[in-house]
Amino acid sequence: MPKKNILFILTDQERQPIHMPKGFSLPGRDRLAAMSLTFNNYHTVTAPCTPSRSVIFTGHHTVINGMLDNTSMPFIEPMNPDIPTLGDMLQAAGYACAYRGKWHLADIKETQEPRHTTEGDMAPYGFPDYQHSGDMTLMAWEGWLHDRTITAEALHWLRGWLSGDREKPFFLVVGLVNPHDIMTYDTDEDRKTQTSPEGALAPIRGVPPDETYRKTWSAGLPPSFDEDASTKPAAHAEFMRINDANFGEIPLDRRDMWERLVDYYLNAQVDVDRNIQALVDALESFGLLEDTIIVRTADHGEQAGAHGLHQKGPWIYRETTNVPLMIAHPDGPKGTTTEALASSLDLAPTLMGLAGLTADEQRALFPGLPGNDLTCLIPGAAELVGAERRDAPRDAILFMYTALSTIDADFSTGGAGAPDLTKRGLLLGIFDGRYKFARYFSPAYQEVPVTIEQLRENCDLELYDLDRDENEAHNLAVRSDCDELIVRLNAKLNALVAREVGSELLPIEIPSDVSTLRGPLS
């Protein structure tokens, strides 16, 4: 049986459809959902962009692939091309691999210079066919400006493949930017608050000249916006101080500004959805829908006011971790959902499974991948690779946050001297389908806590019961009557770290030049 083509659509900063107002719709998403198995409990294991993408494209946690932080930070080198990526994996399965859009894992400069194009610059990462204009860089309106071009280039590539010999099936990645534009949105109509007194360090802009972005949804603010943050880990506030220095502060008492932020986020999703719909429509018009598997996900989500936060950062809130995953297989289920736990660590083995590689072949070609092949949940796909049908490939998801640049706000916002690396800005967390537990710790803490005394002395703790608190508002870790539950979840967390990382202790090295820990957020 001929192998199916695979179209992999990746958006940036898009969460699962929660806190949506009445009347809001995304036709592209809805059409794809009607063709797909949708994973309601799929989570990215980390943030921000570079770390989350590194997990997607390598199938390994950041402490293994080396991408602890964003490439905008001076201490982060481009991802090691010796580490196999999805491109290498799908080439091994016999696919022609191409990439269009945002990458954010290497230093491939954006260029409009016709004598210095970048078509071959992704070959070391398993994608010998790349766009000529380089990678997307952090700028305001980036998605609004580039997503239509990315989509057009992807469609151009598909036409070229159709007119060729079609000897190999294709694996085409389309990395769309939006709704990432929310990161550089100036919510301040009079430009006197968010940009004052010193002004934002990063370029921020208001609404682009496009009617799509002028729509107001009257969505209100998320239920957790007004929550008491006094029981929450200090890392949350530390991150927001750095974020405010980069992009300007949105005061919590300016609900009008936060409501504009929500509107912009919704409208950016409408904008990118049109491109997703254009890709699906094109597959249909090209006669490729029955021969192509579509996988659609996002690198991470966005708080957009939930818990009084915006952006993505050192926390385990669902607005940041719970992102879309749809798999539209021509021979698979249509318009159905699953509550099975899944994480971004699972995408690499899943895509190899969809490409026809059995578990034994995957282990032989790319040993050590800790994720699960989700084709076991897809009738029609599972049988092709001899996968045993299972309803629950994993019993828990491991979260980690390894960005050293956001640990000390005083240093990161321009303070002299070295950063205070005793602050608890890193995290390890676990979600078992009901409970979310995380421990926040400093890079200086080089032990594996086991007892409640060790946990409370050396870590900031967070615990939510999602069966009773779906908005993750009540941190149960402050209650002593939850100590036994905390110890049990922590033991499960330690075991999961050992299984997916290879050691219970995270191998995080502090750079010798700590000044390189300071750089722009992206």
Protein backbone atom coordinates (compact mmCIF):
# COMPACT_ATOMS: atom_id res chain seq x y z
CA MET A 1 0.00 0.00 0.00
CA PRO A 2 1.46 3.43 -0.95
CA LYS A 3 2.43 5.65 1.97
CA LYS A 4 0.32 8.70 2.72
CA ASN A 5 1.73 12.19 2.37
CA ILE A 6 1.95 14.16 5.62
CA LEU A 7 1.18 17.87 6.05
CA PHE A 8 2.32 19.14 9.44
CA ILE A 9 0.79 22.52 10.38
CA LEU A 10 2.39 24.27 13.36
CA THR A 11 1.05 27.54 14.76
CA ASP A 12 2.71 29.68 17.43
CA GLN A 13 1.25 30.62 20.83
CA GLU A 14 -2.17 29.06 20.22
CA ARG A 15 -3.95 27.35 23.08
CA GLN A 16 -6.88 24.97 23.09
CA PRO A 17 -10.21 26.75 22.43
CA ILE A 18 -11.03 27.79 26.00
CA HIS A 19 -12.54 31.07 27.24
CA MET A 20 -14.16 31.55 23.81
CA PRO A 21 -17.02 34.08 23.47
CA LYS A 22 -20.42 33.34 22.03
CA GLY A 23 -20.44 33.62 18.26
CA PHE A 24 -16.69 33.07 17.85
CA SER A 25 -15.80 30.50 15.23
CA LEU A 26 -12.76 29.30 13.32
CA PRO A 27 -13.99 27.67 10.10
CA GLY A 28 -10.61 26.19 9.22
CA ARG A 29 -10.26 24.59 12.64
CA ASP A 30 -13.85 23.35 12.52
CA ARG A 31 -13.41 21.78 9.09
CA LEU A 32 -10.20 20.08 10.15
CA ALA A 33 -11.81 18.86 13.38
CA ALA A 34 -14.58 17.23 11.33
CA MET A 35 -11.86 15.27 9.51
CA SER A 36 -9.78 14.44 12.58
CA LEU A 37 -9.22 12.73 15.86
CA THR A 38 -8.78 15.67 18.26
CA PHE A 39 -6.68 15.25 21.39
CA ASN A 40 -8.33 17.31 24.14
CA ASN A 41 -5.64 16.44 26.67
CA TYR A 42 -2.57 17.15 24.57
CA HIS A 43 0.02 19.38 26.27
CA THR A 44 3.31 20.98 25.36
CA VAL A 45 5.92 19.99 27.91
CA THR A 46 7.69 23.35 28.02
CA ALA A 47 7.81 26.99 26.94
CA PRO A 48 8.79 29.42 25.38
CA CYS A 49 9.18 29.05 21.60
CA THR A 50 12.65 27.56 21.07
CA PRO A 51 12.44 25.03 23.92
CA SER A 52 8.94 23.89 22.95
CA ARG A 53 9.85 23.55 19.27
CA SER A 54 13.01 21.65 20.11
CA VAL A 55 10.93 18.99 21.87
CA ILE A 56 8.52 18.75 18.94
CA PHE A 57 11.27 18.39 16.34
CA THR A 58 13.68 16.10 18.24
CA GLY A 59 11.41 14.08 20.53
CA HIS A 60 13.69 14.86 23.48
CA HIS A 61 13.38 17.20 26.45
CA THR A 62 15.38 20.45 26.39
CA VAL A 63 17.97 19.16 28.88
CA ILE A 64 18.85 16.47 26.31
CA ASN A 65 18.68 18.48 23.06
CA GLY A 66 20.38 21.52 24.61
CA MET A 67 17.75 24.15 23.80
CA LEU A 68 17.13 25.34 27.36
CA ASP A 69 16.03 28.83 26.34
CA ASN A 70 15.18 30.93 23.30
CA THR A 71 17.79 31.43 20.59
CA SER A 72 17.57 35.17 21.29
CA MET A 73 19.60 34.52 24.46
CA PRO A 74 23.37 34.85 23.86
CA PHE A 75 24.19 31.65 25.75
CA ILE A 76 22.00 29.52 23.46
CA GLU A 77 23.71 28.18 20.35
CA PRO A 78 21.81 26.97 17.28
CA MET A 79 20.49 23.47 17.77
CA ASN A 80 23.11 20.80 17.16
CA PRO A 81 22.46 19.42 13.65
CA ASP A 82 23.79 16.03 14.77
CA ILE A 83 20.58 15.56 16.78
CA PRO A 84 18.03 13.82 14.53
CA THR A 85 14.92 15.86 13.75
CA LEU A 86 11.53 15.09 12.28
CA GLY A 87 13.11 15.78 8.90
CA ASP A 88 15.76 13.11 9.43
CA MET A 89 13.17 10.69 10.79
CA LEU A 90 10.77 11.12 7.88
CA GLN A 91 13.60 10.95 5.34
CA ALA A 92 14.51 7.59 6.90
CA ALA A 93 10.90 6.55 6.27
CA GLY A 94 11.27 7.40 2.58
CA TYR A 95 9.76 10.89 2.49
CA ALA A 96 10.68 14.03 0.57
CA CYS A 97 10.95 16.64 3.33
CA ALA A 98 10.33 20.36 2.96
CA TYR A 99 9.84 23.24 5.38
CA ARG A 100 8.07 26.57 4.96
CA GLY A 101 7.64 29.16 7.71
CA LYS A 102 8.94 29.77 11.21
CA TRP A 103 11.70 27.50 12.59
CA HIS A 104 13.28 29.33 15.58
CA LEU A 105 15.89 26.67 16.36
CA ALA A 106 18.90 28.07 14.52
CA ASP A 107 20.40 31.34 13.33
CA ILE A 108 19.01 31.53 9.81
CA LYS A 109 18.78 35.23 9.14
CA GLU A 110 15.82 36.73 7.35
CA THR A 111 16.95 37.97 3.95
CA GLN A 112 15.53 39.64 0.87
CA GLU A 113 18.90 39.55 -0.90
CA PRO A 114 18.55 37.49 -4.10
CA ARG A 115 22.27 36.56 -4.08
CA HIS A 116 22.14 35.16 -0.55
CA THR A 117 19.10 32.91 -0.28
CA THR A 118 18.53 30.19 2.28
CA GLU A 119 16.91 27.27 0.41
CA GLY A 120 19.58 24.83 1.59
CA ASP A 121 20.15 26.17 5.09
CA MET A 122 17.87 23.61 6.75
CA ALA A 123 19.54 20.60 5.11
CA PRO A 124 21.64 19.90 8.23
CA TYR A 125 18.35 19.63 10.14
CA GLY A 126 16.78 17.11 7.79
CA PHE A 127 14.90 19.54 5.55
CA PRO A 128 16.87 20.00 2.30
CA ASP A 129 14.08 22.12 0.82
CA TYR A 130 13.56 25.38 2.73
CA GLN A 131 12.28 28.85 1.91
CA HIS A 132 14.62 31.32 0.22
CA SER A 133 13.99 34.26 2.60
CA GLY A 134 15.30 32.89 5.90
CA ASP A 135 13.60 32.48 9.27
CA MET A 136 11.02 34.73 10.89
CA THR A 137 12.46 37.22 13.40
CA LEU A 138 10.75 38.85 16.37
CA MET A 139 8.87 41.85 15.12
CA ALA A 140 5.46 43.38 15.59
CA TRP A 141 2.80 42.19 13.13
CA GLU A 142 5.07 39.32 12.07
CA GLY A 143 2.24 36.84 11.62
CA TRP A 144 -0.02 39.36 9.95
CA LEU A 145 2.77 40.21 7.51
CA HIS A 146 4.17 36.73 6.83
CA ASP A 147 1.54 34.03 7.28
CA ARG A 148 -0.13 34.56 3.93
CA THR A 149 3.27 34.43 2.25
CA ILE A 150 4.20 31.25 4.12
CA THR A 151 0.93 29.67 3.01
CA ALA A 152 1.43 30.79 -0.59
CA GLU A 153 4.96 29.34 -0.61
CA ALA A 154 3.64 26.05 0.80
CA LEU A 155 1.00 25.87 -1.95
CA HIS A 156 3.66 26.68 -4.56
CA TRP A 157 5.76 23.82 -3.21
CA LEU A 158 2.79 21.44 -3.42
CA ARG A 159 2.18 22.40 -7.05
CA GLY A 160 5.83 21.67 -7.77
CA TRP A 161 5.58 18.27 -6.10
CA LEU A 162 2.45 17.48 -8.12
CA SER A 163 4.19 18.35 -11.38
CA GLY A 164 7.23 16.22 -10.49
CA ASP A 165 7.74 12.47 -10.54
CA ARG A 166 6.09 11.98 -7.12
CA GLU A 167 8.53 9.16 -6.51
CA LYS A 168 8.42 9.82 -2.77
CA PRO A 169 5.52 10.88 -0.57
CA PHE A 170 5.99 14.32 0.95
CA PHE A 171 6.42 15.52 4.51
CA LEU A 172 5.73 19.26 4.40
CA VAL A 173 5.98 21.39 7.53
CA VAL A 174 4.13 24.72 7.46
CA GLY A 175 5.21 26.88 10.41
CA LEU A 176 2.66 29.69 10.71
CA VAL A 177 3.42 32.59 13.05
CA ASN A 178 0.09 33.71 14.47
CA PRO A 179 -1.41 34.11 17.00
CA HIS A 180 2.14 34.95 18.21
CA ASP A 181 1.58 38.62 17.27
CA ILE A 182 -0.16 38.96 20.65
CA MET A 183 3.32 39.10 22.15
CA THR A 184 4.10 42.51 20.65
CA TYR A 185 0.64 44.06 20.84
CA ASP A 186 0.32 47.49 22.44
CA THR A 187 -3.02 47.45 24.26
CA ASP A 188 -2.74 51.14 25.12
CA GLU A 189 -4.83 53.24 22.74
CA ASP A 190 -3.38 56.53 23.98
CA ARG A 191 0.18 55.11 24.11
CA LYS A 192 0.73 56.63 27.55
CA THR A 193 0.55 53.59 29.81
CA GLN A 194 2.02 50.39 28.39
CA THR A 195 4.93 52.26 26.82
CA SER A 196 5.65 54.49 29.84
CA PRO A 197 7.62 55.68 31.70
CA GLU A 198 10.79 54.33 30.05
CA GLY A 199 8.99 52.59 27.24
CA ALA A 200 9.05 48.96 26.18
CA LEU A 201 12.44 47.51 25.22
CA ALA A 202 10.94 45.51 22.37
CA PRO A 203 9.04 46.97 19.40
CA ILE A 204 5.31 46.89 20.13
CA ARG A 205 2.48 48.11 17.93
CA GLY A 206 -1.26 48.52 18.03
CA VAL A 207 -3.84 47.04 15.69
CA PRO A 208 -2.66 46.52 12.08
CA PRO A 209 -4.60 48.16 9.22
CA ASP A 210 -6.88 45.16 8.73
CA GLU A 211 -10.58 44.91 9.55
CA THR A 212 -10.02 41.42 10.95
CA TYR A 213 -8.25 42.97 13.92
CA ARG A 214 -10.88 45.62 14.63
CA LYS A 215 -13.51 43.15 15.77
CA THR A 216 -14.51 43.39 19.44
CA TRP A 217 -15.88 40.21 20.99
CA SER A 218 -17.06 41.33 24.44
CA ALA A 219 -15.53 38.12 25.73
CA GLY A 220 -14.77 39.46 29.17
CA LEU A 221 -11.72 38.32 31.10
CA PRO A 222 -10.96 34.73 32.13
CA PRO A 223 -12.49 33.60 35.46
CA SER A 224 -9.05 33.45 37.08
CA PHE A 225 -8.06 37.02 36.15
CA ASP A 226 -8.88 38.46 39.58
CA GLU A 227 -7.52 35.58 41.65
CA ASP A 228 -5.36 36.11 44.74
CA ALA A 229 -1.80 35.43 43.58
CA SER A 230 -0.33 35.39 47.09
CA THR A 231 -0.26 31.58 47.19
CA LYS A 232 1.35 31.23 43.76
CA PRO A 233 5.07 30.58 43.14
CA ALA A 234 7.29 33.67 43.09
CA ALA A 235 8.57 32.71 39.63
CA HIS A 236 5.30 33.94 38.09
CA ALA A 237 5.75 37.52 39.29
CA GLU A 238 9.48 37.42 38.49
CA PHE A 239 8.72 36.52 34.90
CA MET A 240 6.10 39.24 34.55
CA ARG A 241 8.57 41.89 35.71
CA ILE A 242 10.88 40.84 32.88
CA ASN A 243 8.00 40.69 30.43
CA ASP A 244 6.81 44.17 31.42
CA ALA A 245 10.30 45.56 30.87
CA ASN A 246 10.36 44.07 27.38
CA PHE A 247 6.82 44.77 26.21
CA GLY A 248 5.44 47.35 28.63
CA GLU A 249 3.25 46.86 31.66
CA ILE A 250 -0.49 46.28 31.41
CA PRO A 251 -1.74 47.37 34.85
CA LEU A 252 -4.15 44.90 36.43
CA ASP A 253 -6.61 47.71 37.20
CA ARG A 254 -6.83 48.63 33.49
CA ARG A 255 -9.41 46.02 32.51
CA ASP A 256 -10.00 47.87 29.25
CA MET A 257 -6.42 47.16 28.17
CA TRP A 258 -6.69 43.48 29.11
CA GLU A 259 -9.98 43.21 27.22
CA ARG A 260 -8.28 44.63 24.13
CA LEU A 261 -5.56 42.02 24.60
CA VAL A 262 -8.20 39.27 24.57
CA ASP A 263 -9.82 40.74 21.43
CA TYR A 264 -6.47 40.89 19.66
CA TYR A 265 -5.67 37.29 20.59
CA LEU A 266 -9.00 36.09 19.24
CA ASN A 267 -8.57 38.08 16.04
CA ALA A 268 -5.04 36.77 15.48
CA GLN A 269 -6.52 33.26 15.67
CA VAL A 270 -9.13 34.22 13.08
CA ASP A 271 -6.33 35.51 10.86
CA VAL A 272 -4.17 32.38 11.05
CA ASP A 273 -7.23 30.14 10.71
CA ARG A 274 -7.78 31.48 7.20
CA ASN A 275 -4.37 30.16 6.24
CA ILE A 276 -5.10 26.76 7.74
CA GLN A 277 -8.35 26.65 5.78
CA ALA A 278 -6.50 27.64 2.60
CA LEU A 279 -4.08 24.74 3.07
CA VAL A 280 -6.88 22.20 3.56
CA ASP A 281 -8.88 23.64 0.65
CA ALA A 282 -5.80 23.40 -1.57
CA LEU A 283 -5.26 19.73 -0.73
CA GLU A 284 -8.86 19.12 -1.78
CA SER A 285 -8.53 21.07 -5.03
CA PHE A 286 -5.26 19.25 -5.82
CA GLY A 287 -6.98 15.90 -5.27
CA LEU A 288 -4.68 15.07 -2.35
CA LEU A 289 -7.04 14.85 0.62
CA GLU A 290 -7.44 11.07 0.38
CA ASP A 291 -3.68 10.61 0.10
CA THR A 292 -2.55 13.01 2.85
CA ILE A 293 -2.47 12.86 6.63
CA ILE A 294 -2.82 16.30 8.24
CA VAL A 295 -1.32 16.87 11.68
CA ARG A 296 -2.08 20.25 13.23
CA THR A 297 -0.70 21.56 16.53
CA ALA A 298 0.95 24.56 18.22
CA ASP A 299 4.23 25.04 20.06
CA HIS A 300 2.66 26.50 23.24
CA GLY A 301 -0.31 28.56 24.35
CA GLU A 302 -0.97 32.03 25.77
CA GLN A 303 -2.36 33.21 29.11
CA ALA A 304 -4.28 36.21 27.66
CA GLY A 305 -5.33 37.41 31.11
CA ALA A 306 -5.78 34.04 32.82
CA HIS A 307 -4.36 34.27 36.37
CA GLY A 308 -3.62 37.94 35.69
CA LEU A 309 -0.83 36.94 33.30
CA HIS A 310 -0.04 37.17 29.63
CA GLN A 311 2.54 35.46 27.40
CA LYS A 312 3.91 32.01 28.24
CA GLY A 313 6.31 31.40 31.08
CA PRO A 314 7.35 29.37 34.13
CA TRP A 315 4.00 27.89 35.08
CA ILE A 316 1.85 24.83 34.39
CA TYR A 317 -1.46 26.57 33.67
CA ARG A 318 -3.55 24.97 30.95
CA GLU A 319 -3.74 28.19 28.93
CA THR A 320 -0.01 27.75 28.22
CA THR A 321 0.37 23.96 28.18
CA ASN A 322 -2.89 22.67 26.66
CA VAL A 323 -2.61 23.25 22.91
CA PRO A 324 -4.40 21.87 19.85
CA LEU A 325 -3.54 18.50 18.36
CA MET A 326 -5.60 17.15 15.48
CA ILE A 327 -4.70 14.17 13.32
CA ALA A 328 -6.74 13.88 10.12
CA HIS A 329 -6.01 10.45 8.67
CA PRO A 330 -7.92 9.48 5.50
CA ASP A 331 -8.49 6.01 6.97
CA GLY A 332 -8.92 7.16 10.56
CA PRO A 333 -11.78 8.45 12.71
CA LYS A 334 -13.59 11.65 11.71
CA GLY A 335 -14.99 14.32 14.00
CA THR A 336 -14.07 12.44 17.17
CA THR A 337 -12.16 13.38 20.30
CA THR A 338 -10.06 11.57 22.88
CA GLU A 339 -9.28 12.45 26.48
CA ALA A 340 -6.10 10.34 26.44
CA LEU A 341 -3.07 12.14 27.86
CA ALA A 342 -0.51 13.10 25.23
CA SER A 343 2.47 15.44 25.12
CA SER A 344 4.72 17.12 22.58
CA LEU A 345 7.29 14.43 23.38
CA ASP A 346 4.95 12.01 21.57
CA LEU A 347 4.93 13.79 18.21
CA ALA A 348 8.19 12.35 16.86
CA PRO A 349 7.26 8.67 17.36
CA THR A 350 3.71 9.42 16.20
CA LEU A 351 4.82 11.00 12.94
CA MET A 352 7.18 8.08 12.33
CA GLY A 353 4.29 5.73 13.00
CA LEU A 354 2.09 7.62 10.57
CA ALA A 355 4.95 7.34 8.06
CA GLY A 356 4.87 3.56 8.39
CA LEU A 357 7.82 2.88 10.70
CA THR A 358 7.12 0.14 13.23
CA ALA A 359 8.15 0.44 16.87
CA ASP A 360 11.12 -1.88 16.24
CA GLU A 361 12.21 0.20 13.23
CA GLN A 362 11.91 3.41 15.23
CA ARG A 363 14.02 2.01 18.06
CA ALA A 364 16.66 0.75 15.64
CA LEU A 365 16.91 3.97 13.64
CA PHE A 366 16.43 6.52 16.43
CA PRO A 367 17.07 4.86 19.80
CA GLY A 368 16.25 6.48 23.10
CA LEU A 369 13.14 8.46 22.18
CA PRO A 370 11.01 8.53 25.35
CA GLY A 371 7.68 9.50 23.78
CA ASN A 372 4.71 7.35 22.76
CA ASP A 373 3.44 6.59 19.27
CA LEU A 374 -0.14 7.86 19.29
CA THR A 375 -1.07 5.86 16.20
CA CYS A 376 -2.22 3.23 18.70
CA LEU A 377 -5.30 5.46 19.12
CA ILE A 378 -6.04 5.74 15.39
CA PRO A 379 -7.88 2.83 13.75
CA GLY A 380 -6.49 2.32 10.27
CA ALA A 381 -3.09 3.78 11.15
CA ALA A 382 -2.31 1.44 14.05
CA GLU A 383 -2.77 -1.67 11.94
CA LEU A 384 -0.33 -0.46 9.29
CA VAL A 385 2.59 -0.42 11.73
CA GLY A 386 1.46 -3.35 13.84
CA ALA A 387 0.75 -1.12 16.82
CA GLU A 388 -1.29 -2.54 19.65
CA ARG A 389 -4.51 -0.58 20.07
CA ARG A 390 -4.45 1.21 23.42
CA ASP A 391 -6.80 3.79 24.88
CA ALA A 392 -4.17 5.38 27.18
CA PRO A 393 -0.58 5.46 25.85
CA ARG A 394 0.69 7.37 28.91
CA ASP A 395 -0.46 7.82 32.52
CA ALA A 396 1.16 11.20 33.13
CA ILE A 397 2.75 14.19 31.40
CA LEU A 398 6.09 15.66 32.48
CA PHE A 399 6.47 19.45 32.38
CA MET A 400 9.72 21.33 32.74
CA TYR A 401 10.84 24.93 32.42
CA THR A 402 14.58 25.42 31.88
CA ALA A 403 14.91 29.07 30.76
CA LEU A 404 17.74 30.49 32.87
CA SER A 405 17.17 33.99 31.48
CA THR A 406 13.95 34.59 33.44
CA ILE A 407 15.10 33.57 36.93
CA ASP A 408 16.20 37.00 38.20
CA ALA A 409 14.20 40.02 37.06
CA ASP A 410 16.61 42.53 38.62
CA PHE A 411 19.45 41.19 36.48
CA SER A 412 17.42 40.56 33.33
CA THR A 413 16.00 44.08 33.29
CA GLY A 414 19.42 45.71 33.37
CA GLY A 415 20.74 45.32 36.89
CA ALA A 416 24.48 45.28 37.42
CA GLY A 417 26.46 42.28 38.62
CA ALA A 418 25.53 38.63 38.35
CA PRO A 419 22.03 37.13 38.42
CA ASP A 420 20.77 35.67 41.67
CA LEU A 421 20.58 32.01 40.73
CA THR A 422 19.26 31.02 44.13
CA LYS A 423 15.83 32.22 43.01
CA ARG A 424 13.41 29.41 42.25
CA GLY A 425 12.74 29.99 38.56
CA LEU A 426 13.04 26.48 37.11
CA LEU A 427 10.27 23.92 37.39
CA LEU A 428 9.42 20.27 37.07
CA GLY A 429 5.76 19.30 36.98
CA ILE A 430 3.40 16.43 36.36
CA PHE A 431 -0.22 16.03 35.24
CA ASP A 432 -1.95 12.67 35.68
CA GLY A 433 -5.32 13.65 34.23
CA ARG A 434 -6.67 14.93 37.53
CA TYR A 435 -3.87 16.45 39.57
CA LYS A 436 -1.28 18.95 38.43
CA PHE A 437 1.77 19.23 40.67
CA ALA A 438 4.92 21.29 40.20
CA ARG A 439 7.99 22.10 42.21
CA TYR A 440 9.91 25.30 41.47
CA PHE A 441 13.60 25.29 42.34
CA SER A 442 16.82 27.21 41.75
CA PRO A 443 19.71 26.09 39.51
CA ALA A 444 21.80 26.04 42.68
CA TYR A 445 19.64 23.26 44.15
CA GLN A 446 21.31 20.07 42.95
CA GLU A 447 19.36 17.44 44.85
CA VAL A 448 16.28 15.31 44.22
CA PRO A 449 13.69 16.04 46.92
CA VAL A 450 11.81 13.07 48.32
CA THR A 451 10.30 14.04 51.67
CA ILE A 452 7.78 16.77 52.36
CA GLU A 453 10.41 18.53 54.48
CA GLN A 454 12.87 18.59 51.57
CA LEU A 455 10.18 19.82 49.22
CA ARG A 456 8.94 22.63 51.45
CA GLU A 457 12.44 23.77 52.42
CA ASN A 458 13.94 23.86 48.93
CA CYS A 459 11.05 24.40 46.52
CA ASP A 460 7.98 26.50 45.86
CA LEU A 461 5.09 24.10 45.35
CA GLU A 462 1.93 24.13 43.27
CA LEU A 463 -0.93 21.63 43.29
CA TYR A 464 -4.32 21.69 41.57
CA ASP A 465 -7.22 19.25 41.52
CA LEU A 466 -8.73 19.79 38.08
CA ASP A 467 -11.77 17.66 38.88
CA ARG A 468 -12.81 20.31 41.42
CA ASP A 469 -10.92 23.37 40.18
CA GLU A 470 -10.83 23.48 36.39
CA ASN A 471 -9.51 27.06 36.41
CA GLU A 472 -6.48 26.09 38.53
CA ALA A 473 -7.20 28.91 40.94
CA HIS A 474 -6.69 27.19 44.31
CA ASN A 475 -3.12 26.12 45.07
CA LEU A 476 -3.63 23.14 47.38
CA ALA A 477 0.10 22.93 48.11
CA VAL A 478 -0.26 25.59 50.81
CA ARG A 479 -2.40 23.16 52.84
CA SER A 480 -0.66 20.75 55.21
CA ASP A 481 -3.46 18.22 54.81
CA CYS A 482 -2.26 17.71 51.22
CA ASP A 483 1.27 16.67 52.24
CA GLU A 484 0.66 12.97 51.61
CA LEU A 485 -0.72 13.68 48.13
CA ILE A 486 2.23 15.97 47.38
CA VAL A 487 4.76 13.29 48.36
CA ARG A 488 2.96 10.70 46.23
CA LEU A 489 2.83 12.95 43.17
CA ASN A 490 6.44 14.01 43.69
CA ALA A 491 7.54 10.36 43.72
CA LYS A 492 5.68 9.84 40.46
CA LEU A 493 7.34 13.00 39.09
CA ASN A 494 10.82 11.77 40.04
CA ALA A 495 10.17 8.44 38.35
CA LEU A 496 8.88 10.17 35.21
CA VAL A 497 11.95 12.42 35.05
CA ALA A 498 14.21 9.37 35.36
CA ARG A 499 12.31 7.59 32.59
CA GLU A 500 12.15 10.47 30.10
CA VAL A 501 15.46 12.20 30.87
CA GLY A 502 17.61 9.31 32.06
CA SER A 503 18.36 10.82 35.46
CA GLU A 504 16.28 12.21 38.30
CA LEU A 505 18.63 15.22 38.41
CA LEU A 506 18.36 17.64 35.50
CA PRO A 507 21.69 18.18 33.68
CA ILE A 508 21.52 21.99 33.52
CA GLU A 509 24.84 23.81 33.26
CA ILE A 510 25.25 27.49 34.13
CA PRO A 511 27.31 29.30 31.46
CA SER A 512 30.67 30.57 32.68
CA ASP A 513 29.81 34.04 31.39
CA VAL A 514 26.58 34.82 33.23
CA SER A 515 26.14 38.06 31.29
CA THR A 516 24.93 35.86 28.41
CA LEU A 517 21.82 35.04 30.46
CA ARG A 518 20.39 38.44 29.55
CA GLY A 519 18.64 39.03 26.23
CA PRO A 520 15.30 39.89 24.59
CA LEU A 521 12.24 37.74 25.12
CA SER A 522 10.76 36.24 21.94
